[in-house]
Amino acid sequence: MLVLCSVTGSPSHGRAVLPFARALGDAGHRVVVACPPDVAGVFDGAPVVVAPVFATMADSAEHLGPAVARLGGPAALATLTATEVTTALLPTLFAGPQVTGSARALLGLVESHGTPDLVLRDGGETAGFLVAEHLGVPYVAAPSGAGNVLSPDVVADALAERRDELGFAAPDDPAALHRWGRLDCMPPQFSLAGPQIAPARAFRQDDQVSRGETLPGWVGALPGSRPLVVAGLGTAMPAMAGRAERRAPVDPHAALRTVAEAASRLDAEVVLSTGGLPVDDLALPAHVHPAPWVPQPLLLQVADLFLTHGGYNGVREAVRHGVPLAVLPQFGDQEHNARRIAELGLGAHCTPDAAEIAATCTRLLGDDDVRARMRSAQRAMLALPPVEDAVGVLEDLAARRVPALVA
């Protein structure tokens, strides 16, 4: 069968889709991946065709300008809660004018490769949803943080505008984002999804999503007698820096400085993943080790704590390796994830104060209850079927056109 994958946003979104796209390709299916140019490298070596036809996250962020202006401008964002900002910006982030261009690019791929039997879309990517709906083929959401919070009603009006721009007819149920189901990598009892989101079919998080990675030698030389904390803000935050920064919902540089200051106060070795953002102006102590990028899943295997923005990929990687979480949310689904992690007993929700973050991290490093709860979540994840088992489920879905992704 022919599977069209649609991925938007940052490389982390691509890594969420990669295991399923790779499993489908390994099973002999034709897989075409549409994504931004800066996400294309995620799929290197996978048995898929990569088409870098989508706009980058920075380009897409240009459309946030009017939405930010309606909130009172960038200065007004600081006076709103993260939930208020996220709710106001979600329709533009996930169903704004950029989606029309992405849908047209997908239609071009359909002309080149043929009508797909199935569309596998990043959970926050709605062009794939619109095109699949238009073509009358099944569509499935891959594991995604956005997919855990993006209820159909939030984007219904914006998607109606996109259908009008594309000349697509309105379907019987214009809000059916998950008509055919969705995939997840978190155990159901530890799901991050909100109550308004359709249930998912869960498969085990890969040990290493990107194969062949190794830890840098300097990590191996860190003293084993001290706790190891991994700290970082993922790949989406750094992507907001630069020309789109004035329209971004958060300041990536300020967020990184807060994390770095908190890390400086810890009695632990801290690997600080900067995402390429500069830290030359920070006076970091010897126990904080900045790096533009680190192989996070590998590093988490030997970590005692993960200080993170709370992106879905990082959370599931931490659960896969049994590492408690200190979550400093920034935008999107991260505020929701932070609250959910605290509710589940897998870590703590941090406020943007370096001293308080450091105190929370210190507490978590000695919290046996949180570590035991995380161990339970890890065992539940390891009990899930492997990603390769999703292939048969997706084959059946495409062949029988019957939703088969509800556990």
Protein backbone atom coordinates (compact mmCIF):
# COMPACT_ATOMS: atom_id res chain seq x y z
CA MET A 1 0.00 0.00 0.00
CA LEU A 2 0.98 3.64 -0.40
CA VAL A 3 1.22 5.63 2.83
CA LEU A 4 1.50 9.41 2.81
CA CYS A 5 3.02 10.81 6.01
CA SER A 6 2.65 14.50 6.82
CA VAL A 7 4.92 16.08 9.44
CA THR A 8 5.08 19.71 10.48
CA GLY A 9 6.97 21.69 13.10
CA SER A 10 10.40 20.75 14.41
CA PRO A 11 12.60 17.63 14.10
CA SER A 12 11.03 16.24 17.28
CA HIS A 13 7.74 15.90 15.38
CA GLY A 14 9.55 13.88 12.75
CA ARG A 15 11.05 11.60 15.38
CA ALA A 16 7.56 10.83 16.69
CA VAL A 17 6.48 9.67 13.23
CA LEU A 18 9.75 7.97 12.24
CA PRO A 19 9.32 4.61 14.03
CA PHE A 20 5.93 4.01 12.39
CA ALA A 21 7.04 5.22 8.94
CA ARG A 22 10.15 3.06 9.18
CA ALA A 23 8.16 -0.02 10.25
CA LEU A 24 5.78 0.44 7.31
CA GLY A 25 8.71 0.80 4.91
CA ASP A 26 10.47 -2.24 6.37
CA ALA A 27 7.27 -4.21 5.78
CA GLY A 28 7.46 -3.43 2.05
CA HIS A 29 4.98 -0.58 1.82
CA ARG A 30 5.67 2.59 -0.15
CA VAL A 31 6.00 5.51 2.25
CA VAL A 32 6.22 9.16 1.18
CA VAL A 33 7.01 11.68 3.93
CA ALA A 34 6.07 15.33 3.44
CA CYS A 35 7.86 17.64 5.90
CA PRO A 36 9.78 20.93 6.24
CA PRO A 37 13.37 20.95 4.92
CA ASP A 38 14.84 21.11 8.43
CA VAL A 39 12.95 17.96 9.44
CA ALA A 40 13.97 15.89 6.40
CA GLY A 41 17.23 14.68 7.96
CA VAL A 42 15.31 12.83 10.68
CA PHE A 43 14.33 10.24 8.07
CA ASP A 44 17.86 9.63 6.72
CA GLY A 45 18.41 5.89 6.29
CA ALA A 46 14.73 5.01 6.65
CA PRO A 47 13.05 3.11 3.77
CA VAL A 48 10.90 6.10 2.82
CA VAL A 49 10.78 8.81 0.17
CA VAL A 50 11.22 12.26 1.75
CA ALA A 51 9.59 15.30 0.17
CA PRO A 52 10.63 18.54 1.96
CA VAL A 53 7.64 20.54 0.70
CA PHE A 54 6.29 22.12 3.90
CA ALA A 55 7.22 25.50 5.36
CA THR A 56 9.61 25.57 8.31
CA MET A 57 8.36 26.29 11.81
CA ALA A 58 9.95 29.75 11.62
CA ASP A 59 8.10 30.53 8.38
CA SER A 60 4.82 29.22 9.78
CA ALA A 61 5.30 31.32 12.91
CA GLU A 62 5.02 34.43 10.74
CA HIS A 63 1.25 33.82 10.71
CA LEU A 64 1.15 34.22 14.50
CA GLY A 65 1.55 38.00 14.16
CA PRO A 66 -2.17 38.85 13.88
CA ALA A 67 -3.08 36.39 16.64
CA VAL A 68 -0.48 37.89 18.98
CA ALA A 69 -1.71 41.38 18.08
CA ARG A 70 -5.26 40.42 19.07
CA LEU A 71 -3.90 39.50 22.52
CA GLY A 72 -2.39 42.96 22.88
CA GLY A 73 1.02 42.43 21.30
CA PRO A 74 4.16 40.61 22.49
CA ALA A 75 4.38 42.63 25.72
CA ALA A 76 0.87 41.57 26.70
CA LEU A 77 1.79 37.89 26.50
CA ALA A 78 3.69 38.17 29.77
CA THR A 79 0.49 39.17 31.57
CA LEU A 80 -1.43 36.07 30.44
CA THR A 81 -1.23 32.53 31.73
CA ALA A 82 0.36 29.85 29.56
CA THR A 83 -3.08 28.28 29.14
CA GLU A 84 -4.60 31.57 27.94
CA VAL A 85 -1.81 32.11 25.42
CA THR A 86 -1.97 28.54 24.16
CA THR A 87 -5.75 28.57 23.75
CA ALA A 88 -5.63 31.82 21.81
CA LEU A 89 -2.84 30.70 19.50
CA LEU A 90 -3.79 27.05 18.88
CA PRO A 91 -6.07 27.72 15.89
CA THR A 92 -3.30 29.63 14.10
CA LEU A 93 -0.51 27.26 15.15
CA PHE A 94 -2.27 24.17 13.84
CA ALA A 95 -4.85 25.37 11.33
CA GLY A 96 -3.64 28.78 10.15
CA PRO A 97 -3.06 29.99 6.57
CA GLN A 98 0.14 27.93 6.30
CA VAL A 99 -2.03 24.80 6.24
CA THR A 100 -3.52 25.81 2.87
CA GLY A 101 -0.07 25.84 1.31
CA SER A 102 0.80 22.52 2.93
CA ALA A 103 -2.39 20.93 1.60
CA ARG A 104 -1.60 22.11 -1.93
CA ALA A 105 1.88 20.63 -1.59
CA LEU A 106 0.34 17.31 -0.53
CA LEU A 107 -1.98 17.35 -3.53
CA GLY A 108 1.11 17.78 -5.70
CA LEU A 109 2.61 14.65 -4.12
CA VAL A 110 -0.62 12.79 -4.82
CA GLU A 111 -0.29 13.74 -8.49
CA SER A 112 3.32 12.45 -8.50
CA HIS A 113 2.96 9.29 -6.43
CA GLY A 114 -0.72 8.36 -6.67
CA THR A 115 -3.63 8.40 -4.26
CA PRO A 116 -2.52 7.01 -0.89
CA ASP A 117 -4.25 4.12 0.82
CA LEU A 118 -3.60 5.77 4.17
CA VAL A 119 -2.46 9.13 5.53
CA LEU A 120 -0.34 9.00 8.68
CA ARG A 121 -0.09 12.52 10.02
CA ASP A 122 1.74 14.19 12.84
CA GLY A 123 -0.95 14.81 15.46
CA GLY A 124 -0.63 18.58 15.07
CA GLU A 125 -0.49 18.52 11.26
CA THR A 126 -3.92 19.25 9.79
CA ALA A 127 -3.14 19.54 6.06
CA GLY A 128 -2.85 15.74 5.91
CA PHE A 129 -6.22 15.51 7.64
CA LEU A 130 -7.86 17.85 5.11
CA VAL A 131 -6.36 16.11 2.07
CA ALA A 132 -7.25 12.63 3.32
CA GLU A 133 -10.76 13.81 4.09
CA HIS A 134 -11.00 15.32 0.56
CA LEU A 135 -9.71 12.13 -1.09
CA GLY A 136 -11.90 9.88 1.03
CA VAL A 137 -9.03 7.81 2.44
CA PRO A 138 -8.38 6.82 6.09
CA TYR A 139 -6.16 9.12 8.16
CA VAL A 140 -4.46 8.37 11.46
CA ALA A 141 -2.70 10.66 13.92
CA ALA A 142 0.79 9.55 14.94
CA PRO A 143 1.93 10.00 18.57
CA SER A 144 2.07 13.71 19.25
CA GLY A 145 1.87 16.26 22.02
CA ALA A 146 -0.44 18.45 19.98
CA GLY A 147 -2.67 15.46 19.35
CA ASN A 148 -3.12 15.10 23.12
CA VAL A 149 -4.70 18.55 23.49
CA LEU A 150 -6.00 19.57 20.07
CA SER A 151 -9.73 19.04 20.41
CA PRO A 152 -11.72 19.34 17.16
CA ASP A 153 -13.76 22.33 18.31
CA VAL A 154 -10.62 24.44 18.84
CA VAL A 155 -9.67 24.37 15.15
CA ALA A 156 -13.08 23.81 13.53
CA ASP A 157 -13.56 27.40 12.35
CA ALA A 158 -9.99 27.73 11.08
CA LEU A 159 -10.22 24.43 9.21
CA ALA A 160 -13.47 25.59 7.61
CA GLU A 161 -11.57 28.61 6.27
CA ARG A 162 -8.85 26.33 4.91
CA ARG A 163 -11.46 24.15 3.14
CA ASP A 164 -12.94 27.24 1.52
CA GLU A 165 -9.49 28.37 0.32
CA LEU A 166 -8.78 24.92 -1.10
CA GLY A 167 -12.22 24.45 -2.65
CA PHE A 168 -12.84 21.33 -0.53
CA ALA A 169 -16.40 20.41 0.30
CA ALA A 170 -17.43 20.43 3.94
CA PRO A 171 -17.82 16.82 5.20
CA ASP A 172 -20.72 15.48 7.26
CA ASP A 173 -18.61 15.85 10.41
CA PRO A 174 -16.16 18.71 9.78
CA ALA A 175 -14.54 18.25 13.21
CA ALA A 176 -13.66 14.54 12.95
CA LEU A 177 -9.91 14.83 13.54
CA HIS A 178 -9.77 11.24 14.82
CA ARG A 179 -12.50 9.51 12.81
CA TRP A 180 -10.08 6.66 12.04
CA GLY A 181 -8.30 6.70 15.40
CA ARG A 182 -4.89 7.73 16.63
CA LEU A 183 -1.63 6.18 17.79
CA ASP A 184 0.22 6.71 21.07
CA CYS A 185 3.36 5.49 22.81
CA MET A 186 2.24 6.11 26.39
CA PRO A 187 0.44 3.35 28.34
CA PRO A 188 -3.30 4.16 28.59
CA GLN A 189 -3.16 4.46 32.39
CA PHE A 190 -0.38 7.06 32.01
CA SER A 191 -1.77 8.84 28.96
CA LEU A 192 -1.14 12.56 28.59
CA ALA A 193 -4.28 13.05 26.48
CA GLY A 194 -7.00 15.36 27.70
CA PRO A 195 -10.47 13.98 28.41
CA GLN A 196 -11.84 15.49 25.19
CA ILE A 197 -9.40 13.52 22.99
CA ALA A 198 -10.32 10.19 21.40
CA PRO A 199 -8.70 7.07 22.91
CA ALA A 200 -5.57 5.76 21.20
CA ARG A 201 -3.97 2.46 20.31
CA ALA A 202 -0.66 2.39 22.18
CA PHE A 203 2.63 0.82 21.07
CA ARG A 204 5.95 0.68 22.89
CA GLN A 205 8.32 3.62 22.61
CA ASP A 206 11.47 2.60 20.75
CA ASP A 207 14.62 2.28 22.85
CA GLN A 208 16.43 4.44 20.29
CA VAL A 209 14.35 6.22 17.67
CA SER A 210 17.42 7.32 15.70
CA ARG A 211 19.72 4.36 15.25
CA GLY A 212 23.50 4.31 15.45
CA GLU A 213 23.87 7.16 17.95
CA THR A 214 26.54 7.14 20.66
CA LEU A 215 27.18 9.33 23.67
CA PRO A 216 30.11 11.77 23.36
CA GLY A 217 33.21 10.68 25.24
CA TRP A 218 33.04 13.55 27.71
CA VAL A 219 29.71 12.24 29.00
CA GLY A 220 31.30 8.88 29.69
CA ALA A 221 33.99 10.64 31.71
CA LEU A 222 31.56 12.36 34.10
CA PRO A 223 31.86 11.15 37.72
CA GLY A 224 29.49 8.28 38.48
CA SER A 225 29.41 9.24 42.15
CA ARG A 226 27.21 12.29 41.46
CA PRO A 227 23.63 12.45 40.15
CA LEU A 228 23.25 13.18 36.45
CA VAL A 229 20.59 15.68 35.37
CA VAL A 230 19.64 16.19 31.73
CA ALA A 231 18.32 19.70 31.03
CA GLY A 232 17.03 21.20 27.81
CA LEU A 233 14.21 22.83 25.88
CA GLY A 234 13.87 20.48 22.91
CA THR A 235 14.04 21.41 19.22
CA ALA A 236 10.92 23.54 18.77
CA MET A 237 12.04 26.33 21.09
CA PRO A 238 15.34 27.04 19.30
CA ALA A 239 13.46 26.95 15.98
CA MET A 240 11.49 29.97 17.18
CA ALA A 241 14.62 32.06 17.56
CA GLY A 242 15.66 34.40 14.76
CA ARG A 243 13.40 36.33 12.45
CA ALA A 244 10.20 34.81 13.83
CA GLU A 245 11.15 35.50 17.42
CA ARG A 246 9.07 38.68 17.71
CA ARG A 247 5.95 36.63 16.98
CA ALA A 248 6.84 33.62 19.09
CA PRO A 249 4.73 32.95 22.18
CA VAL A 250 7.88 32.68 24.33
CA ASP A 251 11.46 33.96 24.33
CA PRO A 252 13.76 30.94 23.78
CA HIS A 253 16.85 32.76 25.05
CA ALA A 254 15.20 33.84 28.30
CA ALA A 255 13.87 30.32 28.89
CA LEU A 256 17.32 28.81 28.35
CA ARG A 257 18.90 31.31 30.75
CA THR A 258 16.39 30.34 33.44
CA VAL A 259 17.15 26.65 32.96
CA ALA A 260 20.90 27.32 32.98
CA GLU A 261 20.66 29.36 36.19
CA ALA A 262 18.65 26.61 37.87
CA ALA A 263 21.18 24.01 36.70
CA SER A 264 23.99 26.08 38.16
CA ARG A 265 22.44 25.75 41.63
CA LEU A 266 22.25 21.94 41.60
CA ASP A 267 24.61 19.59 43.40
CA ALA A 268 24.81 17.31 40.38
CA GLU A 269 26.41 16.94 36.99
CA VAL A 270 24.12 18.66 34.46
CA VAL A 271 24.18 18.11 30.71
CA LEU A 272 22.54 21.24 29.26
CA SER A 273 21.23 20.79 25.73
CA THR A 274 21.10 24.29 24.22
CA GLY A 275 19.56 23.49 20.85
CA GLY A 276 22.25 25.68 19.32
CA LEU A 277 21.23 28.80 21.24
CA PRO A 278 24.25 30.79 22.48
CA VAL A 279 25.35 30.47 26.10
CA ASP A 280 28.67 32.31 25.81
CA ASP A 281 27.32 35.13 27.93
CA LEU A 282 26.47 32.81 30.82
CA ALA A 283 28.96 32.14 33.62
CA LEU A 284 28.30 28.42 33.95
CA PRO A 285 29.98 26.49 36.78
CA ALA A 286 32.13 23.45 36.05
CA HIS A 287 29.35 20.96 36.82
CA VAL A 288 27.12 22.32 34.01
CA HIS A 289 28.10 20.96 30.61
CA PRO A 290 26.48 22.80 27.67
CA ALA A 291 26.15 21.13 24.28
CA PRO A 292 24.24 22.21 21.16
CA TRP A 293 22.75 18.75 20.86
CA VAL A 294 22.94 15.41 22.67
CA PRO A 295 21.44 11.98 21.82
CA GLN A 296 18.70 12.41 24.41
CA PRO A 297 17.28 8.84 24.52
CA LEU A 298 20.76 7.44 25.14
CA LEU A 299 21.58 10.05 27.76
CA LEU A 300 18.33 9.41 29.63
CA GLN A 301 19.35 5.77 30.08
CA VAL A 302 21.99 6.95 32.58
CA ALA A 303 20.19 10.01 34.01
CA ASP A 304 18.65 10.55 37.43
CA LEU A 305 16.39 13.48 36.49
CA PHE A 306 15.15 15.26 33.37
CA LEU A 307 14.61 19.03 33.58
CA THR A 308 12.54 19.68 30.47
CA HIS A 309 10.01 21.95 28.81
CA GLY A 310 7.59 19.01 28.79
CA GLY A 311 7.39 18.17 25.09
CA TYR A 312 5.67 14.87 24.35
CA ASN A 313 8.77 13.20 22.91
CA GLY A 314 10.92 13.99 25.92
CA VAL A 315 8.25 12.81 28.31
CA ARG A 316 7.81 9.45 26.62
CA GLU A 317 11.58 9.00 26.35
CA ALA A 318 11.90 9.67 30.08
CA VAL A 319 9.17 7.15 30.85
CA ARG A 320 10.86 4.60 28.58
CA HIS A 321 13.97 4.87 30.77
CA GLY A 322 12.32 5.46 34.15
CA VAL A 323 13.61 9.02 34.70
CA PRO A 324 11.55 11.45 36.87
CA LEU A 325 10.59 14.77 35.30
CA ALA A 326 10.88 18.40 36.39
CA VAL A 327 8.76 20.27 33.85
CA LEU A 328 9.09 23.95 33.02
CA PRO A 329 6.41 24.39 30.31
CA GLN A 330 6.73 27.04 27.63
CA PHE A 331 3.90 26.83 25.08
CA GLY A 332 1.59 24.51 23.17
CA ASP A 333 0.75 21.25 24.92
CA GLN A 334 3.52 21.65 27.50
CA GLU A 335 1.46 23.36 30.22
CA HIS A 336 -1.09 20.55 29.95
CA ASN A 337 1.70 17.94 30.03
CA ALA A 338 3.24 19.50 33.14
CA ARG A 339 -0.06 19.36 35.01
CA ARG A 340 -0.68 15.79 33.87
CA ILE A 341 2.79 14.63 34.94
CA ALA A 342 2.24 16.07 38.40
CA GLU A 343 -1.19 14.39 38.59
CA LEU A 344 0.31 11.05 37.58
CA GLY A 345 3.08 11.34 40.18
CA LEU A 346 5.84 11.16 37.56
CA GLY A 347 7.47 14.45 38.51
CA ALA A 348 6.70 18.09 39.21
CA HIS A 349 5.36 21.18 37.48
CA CYS A 350 7.89 24.02 37.79
CA THR A 351 7.35 27.78 37.77
CA PRO A 352 9.78 30.02 35.83
CA ASP A 353 11.94 30.93 38.83
CA ALA A 354 15.47 29.54 38.83
CA ALA A 355 15.69 29.14 42.62
CA GLU A 356 12.35 27.32 42.78
CA ILE A 357 13.27 25.10 39.83
CA ALA A 358 16.54 24.15 41.54
CA ALA A 359 14.70 23.38 44.79
CA THR A 360 12.20 21.21 42.93
CA CYS A 361 14.98 19.32 41.15
CA THR A 362 16.81 18.74 44.43
CA ARG A 363 13.62 17.38 46.00
CA LEU A 364 12.92 15.07 43.06
CA LEU A 365 16.45 13.65 43.12
CA GLY A 366 15.69 12.29 46.59
CA ASP A 367 12.00 11.43 46.13
CA ASP A 368 11.62 7.64 46.28
CA ASP A 369 7.85 7.83 45.75
CA VAL A 370 8.17 9.65 42.43
CA ARG A 371 10.90 7.26 41.32
CA ALA A 372 8.73 4.26 42.19
CA ARG A 373 5.77 5.73 40.31
CA MET A 374 7.95 6.38 37.27
CA ARG A 375 9.21 2.80 37.47
CA SER A 376 5.59 1.62 37.32
CA ALA A 377 5.00 3.74 34.22
CA GLN A 378 8.17 2.35 32.63
CA ARG A 379 7.03 -1.23 33.22
CA ALA A 380 3.62 -0.44 31.75
CA MET A 381 5.28 0.99 28.65
CA LEU A 382 7.53 -2.05 28.25
CA ALA A 383 4.41 -4.24 28.36
CA LEU A 384 2.99 -2.53 25.24
CA PRO A 385 3.31 -4.24 21.82
CA PRO A 386 6.25 -3.08 19.67
CA VAL A 387 5.83 -0.44 16.98
CA GLU A 388 6.18 -3.14 14.32
CA ASP A 389 2.83 -4.56 15.43
CA ALA A 390 1.17 -1.33 14.31
CA VAL A 391 1.81 -2.28 10.68
CA GLY A 392 -0.80 -5.03 10.66
CA VAL A 393 -3.33 -2.77 12.37
CA LEU A 394 -2.77 -0.02 9.79
CA GLU A 395 -2.92 -2.52 6.91
CA ASP A 396 -6.27 -3.75 8.18
CA LEU A 397 -7.53 -0.21 8.58
CA ALA A 398 -6.59 0.70 4.99
CA ALA A 399 -8.02 -2.51 3.55
CA ARG A 400 -11.28 -2.74 5.47
CA ARG A 401 -11.93 0.98 6.02
CA VAL A 402 -13.10 0.19 9.54
CA PRO A 403 -11.64 2.15 12.47
CA ALA A 404 -9.35 -0.25 14.31
CA LEU A 405 -7.23 1.93 16.56
CA VAL A 406 -9.28 1.99 19.74
CA ALA A 407 -7.76 -0.36 22.28
